[in-house]
Amino acid sequence: MGVKKRRRIQLIAIGAVMLVLATGLIGYGMRDGIEFFRSPSQLAEHPPREGERFRIGGLVEDGSLERGSGHEVRFTVTDGGATAEVVFAGILPDLFREGQGVVATGRMEDGVFVASEVLAKHDESYMPKEVADALKEQGLYRPGAGVNPQPGT
């Protein structure tokens, strides 16, 4: 094997090692900043690890909104296939209400999603992409028509 060929192989090997190292460092640095989205059905199928931060989204179930003492609020998020109870201690967005799309960031504690942030849709036609996709999987969402009362209609 010639000197040029050996040098080329060494450079390729060093480049590959550096690429793997850089990817590992980026992943390590972002480990706490990545928040995955889950629908209530996905949450029921695959429960999160203890203390894992993630986003949950769906529709605020009608009749589920309960205001507690102070700023504490409890409500249920549904995607038509499953529901998840959410607790939030803070001031809700002005457009937050039952039957509307919502995305909440937080973690599970004793089977209840404890939200640190709640986002509500901002107009009549907008729904977060993740929420719309989750509702489409359940057959409950048609763009422009809102939520269907029964899957497949």
C-alpha atoms as a PDB file:
ATOM      1  CA  MET A   1       0.000   0.000   0.000  1.00  0.00           C
ATOM      2  CA  GLY A   2       1.377   3.396  -0.981  1.00  0.00           C
ATOM      3  CA  VAL A   3       2.009   6.327   1.332  1.00  0.00           C
ATOM      4  CA  LYS A   4      -0.711   8.440  -0.332  1.00  0.00           C
ATOM      5  CA  LYS A   5      -3.313   5.703   0.059  1.00  0.00           C
ATOM      6  CA  ARG A   6      -2.412   5.118   3.729  1.00  0.00           C
ATOM      7  CA  ARG A   7      -2.549   8.881   4.440  1.00  0.00           C
ATOM      8  CA  ARG A   8      -5.971   9.119   2.748  1.00  0.00           C
ATOM      9  CA  ILE A   9      -7.339   6.238   4.856  1.00  0.00           C
ATOM     10  CA  GLN A  10      -5.970   7.863   8.024  1.00  0.00           C
ATOM     11  CA  LEU A  11      -7.626  11.185   7.174  1.00  0.00           C
ATOM     12  CA  ILE A  12     -10.963   9.487   6.455  1.00  0.00           C
ATOM     13  CA  ALA A  13     -10.763   7.560   9.763  1.00  0.00           C
ATOM     14  CA  ILE A  14      -9.882  10.718  11.732  1.00  0.00           C
ATOM     15  CA  GLY A  15     -12.739  12.601  10.017  1.00  0.00           C
ATOM     16  CA  ALA A  16     -15.215   9.835  10.867  1.00  0.00           C
ATOM     17  CA  VAL A  17     -14.117   9.796  14.534  1.00  0.00           C
ATOM     18  CA  MET A  18     -14.445  13.593  14.731  1.00  0.00           C
ATOM     19  CA  LEU A  19     -17.919  13.455  13.167  1.00  0.00           C
ATOM     20  CA  VAL A  20     -19.073  10.814  15.678  1.00  0.00           C
ATOM     21  CA  LEU A  21     -17.589  12.832  18.547  1.00  0.00           C
ATOM     22  CA  ALA A  22     -19.269  16.064  17.381  1.00  0.00           C
ATOM     23  CA  THR A  23     -22.624  14.300  17.014  1.00  0.00           C
ATOM     24  CA  GLY A  24     -22.280  12.820  20.509  1.00  0.00           C
ATOM     25  CA  LEU A  25     -21.429  16.201  22.034  1.00  0.00           C
ATOM     26  CA  ILE A  26     -24.379  17.884  20.327  1.00  0.00           C
ATOM     27  CA  GLY A  27     -26.740  15.141  21.535  1.00  0.00           C
ATOM     28  CA  TYR A  28     -25.351  15.373  25.075  1.00  0.00           C
ATOM     29  CA  GLY A  29     -25.727  19.152  25.094  1.00  0.00           C
ATOM     30  CA  MET A  30     -29.335  19.007  23.898  1.00  0.00           C
ATOM     31  CA  ARG A  31     -30.507  16.152  26.120  1.00  0.00           C
ATOM     32  CA  ASP A  32     -32.472  18.457  28.440  1.00  0.00           C
ATOM     33  CA  GLY A  33     -33.669  20.849  25.743  1.00  0.00           C
ATOM     34  CA  ILE A  34     -35.469  18.361  23.523  1.00  0.00           C
ATOM     35  CA  GLU A  35     -39.155  17.996  24.281  1.00  0.00           C
ATOM     36  CA  PHE A  36     -41.039  15.383  22.326  1.00  0.00           C
ATOM     37  CA  PHE A  37     -44.722  15.717  21.486  1.00  0.00           C
ATOM     38  CA  ARG A  38     -47.155  12.980  22.519  1.00  0.00           C
ATOM     39  CA  SER A  39     -50.881  12.608  22.096  1.00  0.00           C
ATOM     40  CA  PRO A  40     -52.963  11.100  24.927  1.00  0.00           C
ATOM     41  CA  SER A  41     -53.190   7.808  22.949  1.00  0.00           C
ATOM     42  CA  GLN A  42     -49.398   7.648  22.591  1.00  0.00           C
ATOM     43  CA  LEU A  43     -49.062   8.453  26.276  1.00  0.00           C
ATOM     44  CA  ALA A  44     -51.362   5.563  27.187  1.00  0.00           C
ATOM     45  CA  GLU A  45     -49.480   3.134  24.919  1.00  0.00           C
ATOM     46  CA  HIS A  46     -45.959   4.195  25.918  1.00  0.00           C
ATOM     47  CA  PRO A  47     -45.755   5.863  29.357  1.00  0.00           C
ATOM     48  CA  PRO A  48     -42.841   8.308  29.718  1.00  0.00           C
ATOM     49  CA  ARG A  49     -39.796   7.837  31.928  1.00  0.00           C
ATOM     50  CA  GLU A  50     -39.968   9.385  35.393  1.00  0.00           C
ATOM     51  CA  GLY A  51     -39.129  13.092  35.190  1.00  0.00           C
ATOM     52  CA  GLU A  52     -39.068  13.196  31.362  1.00  0.00           C
ATOM     53  CA  ARG A  53     -40.214  16.549  29.965  1.00  0.00           C
ATOM     54  CA  PHE A  54     -42.459  16.392  26.928  1.00  0.00           C
ATOM     55  CA  ARG A  55     -45.423  18.072  25.273  1.00  0.00           C
ATOM     56  CA  ILE A  56     -48.924  16.731  25.237  1.00  0.00           C
ATOM     57  CA  GLY A  57     -51.603  18.015  22.929  1.00  0.00           C
ATOM     58  CA  GLY A  58     -55.168  17.488  21.893  1.00  0.00           C
ATOM     59  CA  LEU A  59     -58.524  19.038  22.594  1.00  0.00           C
ATOM     60  CA  VAL A  60     -59.656  20.249  26.001  1.00  0.00           C
ATOM     61  CA  GLU A  61     -62.498  17.866  26.810  1.00  0.00           C
ATOM     62  CA  ASP A  62     -65.891  19.506  27.297  1.00  0.00           C
ATOM     63  CA  GLY A  63     -66.950  19.643  30.956  1.00  0.00           C
ATOM     64  CA  SER A  64     -63.474  18.816  32.283  1.00  0.00           C
ATOM     65  CA  LEU A  65     -62.253  22.283  33.261  1.00  0.00           C
ATOM     66  CA  GLU A  66     -62.005  22.727  37.043  1.00  0.00           C
ATOM     67  CA  ARG A  67     -60.547  25.787  38.722  1.00  0.00           C
ATOM     68  CA  GLY A  68     -58.910  25.150  42.086  1.00  0.00           C
ATOM     69  CA  SER A  69     -57.561  27.455  44.725  1.00  0.00           C
ATOM     70  CA  GLY A  70     -55.415  30.295  43.479  1.00  0.00           C
ATOM     71  CA  HIS A  71     -54.298  29.843  39.890  1.00  0.00           C
ATOM     72  CA  GLU A  72     -54.470  26.016  39.828  1.00  0.00           C
ATOM     73  CA  VAL A  73     -56.505  24.589  36.965  1.00  0.00           C
ATOM     74  CA  ARG A  74     -57.321  20.956  36.116  1.00  0.00           C
ATOM     75  CA  PHE A  75     -58.589  19.776  32.758  1.00  0.00           C
ATOM     76  CA  THR A  76     -58.556  16.743  30.523  1.00  0.00           C
ATOM     77  CA  VAL A  77     -56.894  16.587  27.107  1.00  0.00           C
ATOM     78  CA  THR A  78     -58.254  14.110  24.568  1.00  0.00           C
ATOM     79  CA  ASP A  79     -57.445  12.998  21.047  1.00  0.00           C
ATOM     80  CA  GLY A  80     -60.602  10.928  20.710  1.00  0.00           C
ATOM     81  CA  GLY A  81     -58.840   7.672  21.551  1.00  0.00           C
ATOM     82  CA  ALA A  82     -57.593   8.395  25.063  1.00  0.00           C
ATOM     83  CA  THR A  83     -57.570  11.152  27.651  1.00  0.00           C
ATOM     84  CA  ALA A  84     -54.952  12.588  29.986  1.00  0.00           C
ATOM     85  CA  GLU A  85     -55.519  14.667  33.094  1.00  0.00           C
ATOM     86  CA  VAL A  86     -53.543  17.920  33.194  1.00  0.00           C
ATOM     87  CA  VAL A  87     -52.814  20.212  36.151  1.00  0.00           C
ATOM     88  CA  PHE A  88     -51.502  23.722  35.585  1.00  0.00           C
ATOM     89  CA  ALA A  89     -50.657  26.352  38.200  1.00  0.00           C
ATOM     90  CA  GLY A  90     -50.615  29.666  36.428  1.00  0.00           C
ATOM     91  CA  ILE A  91     -52.592  31.994  34.245  1.00  0.00           C
ATOM     92  CA  LEU A  92     -54.109  30.338  31.197  1.00  0.00           C
ATOM     93  CA  PRO A  93     -53.984  32.005  27.766  1.00  0.00           C
ATOM     94  CA  ASP A  94     -56.999  34.187  26.942  1.00  0.00           C
ATOM     95  CA  LEU A  95     -58.108  31.855  24.130  1.00  0.00           C
ATOM     96  CA  PHE A  96     -58.010  28.721  26.319  1.00  0.00           C
ATOM     97  CA  ARG A  97     -61.428  27.035  26.598  1.00  0.00           C
ATOM     98  CA  GLU A  98     -63.134  23.667  26.392  1.00  0.00           C
ATOM     99  CA  GLY A  99     -63.312  22.056  22.961  1.00  0.00           C
ATOM    100  CA  GLN A 100     -60.257  23.958  21.693  1.00  0.00           C
ATOM    101  CA  GLY A 101     -56.810  22.702  20.717  1.00  0.00           C
ATOM    102  CA  VAL A 102     -54.092  22.922  23.349  1.00  0.00           C
ATOM    103  CA  VAL A 103     -50.439  21.973  23.743  1.00  0.00           C
ATOM    104  CA  ALA A 104     -48.942  21.744  27.240  1.00  0.00           C
ATOM    105  CA  THR A 105     -45.307  21.286  28.263  1.00  0.00           C
ATOM    106  CA  GLY A 106     -44.416  19.480  31.477  1.00  0.00           C
ATOM    107  CA  ARG A 107     -43.940  16.042  33.022  1.00  0.00           C
ATOM    108  CA  MET A 108     -45.961  13.180  34.507  1.00  0.00           C
ATOM    109  CA  GLU A 109     -46.270  12.935  38.294  1.00  0.00           C
ATOM    110  CA  ASP A 110     -48.363  10.135  39.817  1.00  0.00           C
ATOM    111  CA  GLY A 111     -50.354   9.610  36.615  1.00  0.00           C
ATOM    112  CA  VAL A 112     -51.189  13.301  36.171  1.00  0.00           C
ATOM    113  CA  PHE A 113     -49.497  15.594  33.658  1.00  0.00           C
ATOM    114  CA  VAL A 114     -48.151  18.613  35.544  1.00  0.00           C
ATOM    115  CA  ALA A 115     -47.839  21.423  33.018  1.00  0.00           C
ATOM    116  CA  SER A 116     -45.341  24.245  33.295  1.00  0.00           C
ATOM    117  CA  GLU A 117     -46.653  25.948  30.147  1.00  0.00           C
ATOM    118  CA  VAL A 118     -49.982  25.842  28.300  1.00  0.00           C
ATOM    119  CA  LEU A 119     -50.465  27.103  24.748  1.00  0.00           C
ATOM    120  CA  ALA A 120     -53.869  27.581  23.132  1.00  0.00           C
ATOM    121  CA  LYS A 121     -54.742  28.094  19.490  1.00  0.00           C
ATOM    122  CA  HIS A 122     -54.800  31.686  18.329  1.00  0.00           C
ATOM    123  CA  ASP A 123     -57.675  31.808  15.844  1.00  0.00           C
ATOM    124  CA  GLU A 124     -60.543  29.757  14.484  1.00  0.00           C
ATOM    125  CA  SER A 125     -58.590  27.976  11.754  1.00  0.00           C
ATOM    126  CA  TYR A 126     -55.268  27.272  13.498  1.00  0.00           C
ATOM    127  CA  MET A 127     -54.411  24.043  15.265  1.00  0.00           C
ATOM    128  CA  PRO A 128     -50.843  23.019  16.158  1.00  0.00           C
ATOM    129  CA  LYS A 129     -49.488  20.557  13.588  1.00  0.00           C
ATOM    130  CA  GLU A 130     -48.809  17.871  16.203  1.00  0.00           C
ATOM    131  CA  VAL A 131     -52.361  18.111  17.564  1.00  0.00           C
ATOM    132  CA  ALA A 132     -53.895  18.029  14.080  1.00  0.00           C
ATOM    133  CA  ASP A 133     -51.785  14.975  13.146  1.00  0.00           C
ATOM    134  CA  ALA A 134     -52.786  13.154  16.346  1.00  0.00           C
ATOM    135  CA  LEU A 135     -56.465  13.898  15.727  1.00  0.00           C
ATOM    136  CA  LYS A 136     -56.165  12.817  12.092  1.00  0.00           C
ATOM    137  CA  GLU A 137     -54.812   9.436  13.267  1.00  0.00           C
ATOM    138  CA  GLN A 138     -57.992   9.025  15.300  1.00  0.00           C
ATOM    139  CA  GLY A 139     -60.158  10.172  12.376  1.00  0.00           C
ATOM    140  CA  LEU A 140     -61.474  13.168  14.319  1.00  0.00           C
ATOM    141  CA  TYR A 141     -60.077  16.116  12.398  1.00  0.00           C
ATOM    142  CA  ARG A 142     -60.880  17.695   9.043  1.00  0.00           C
ATOM    143  CA  PRO A 143     -59.203  20.993   8.153  1.00  0.00           C
ATOM    144  CA  GLY A 144     -61.685  23.850   8.159  1.00  0.00           C
ATOM    145  CA  ALA A 145     -64.453  21.751   9.673  1.00  0.00           C
ATOM    146  CA  GLY A 146     -63.184  21.373  13.223  1.00  0.00           C
ATOM    147  CA  VAL A 147     -63.648  18.117  15.067  1.00  0.00           C
ATOM    148  CA  ASN A 148     -65.932  15.353  13.861  1.00  0.00           C
ATOM    149  CA  PRO A 149     -68.251  13.891  16.496  1.00  0.00           C
ATOM    150  CA  GLN A 150     -67.625  10.353  15.257  1.00  0.00           C
ATOM    151  CA  PRO A 151     -64.530   8.790  13.686  1.00  0.00           C
ATOM    152  CA  GLY A 152     -64.720   8.351   9.919  1.00  0.00           C
ATOM    153  CA  THR A 153     -67.388  11.019   9.283  1.00  0.00           C
END
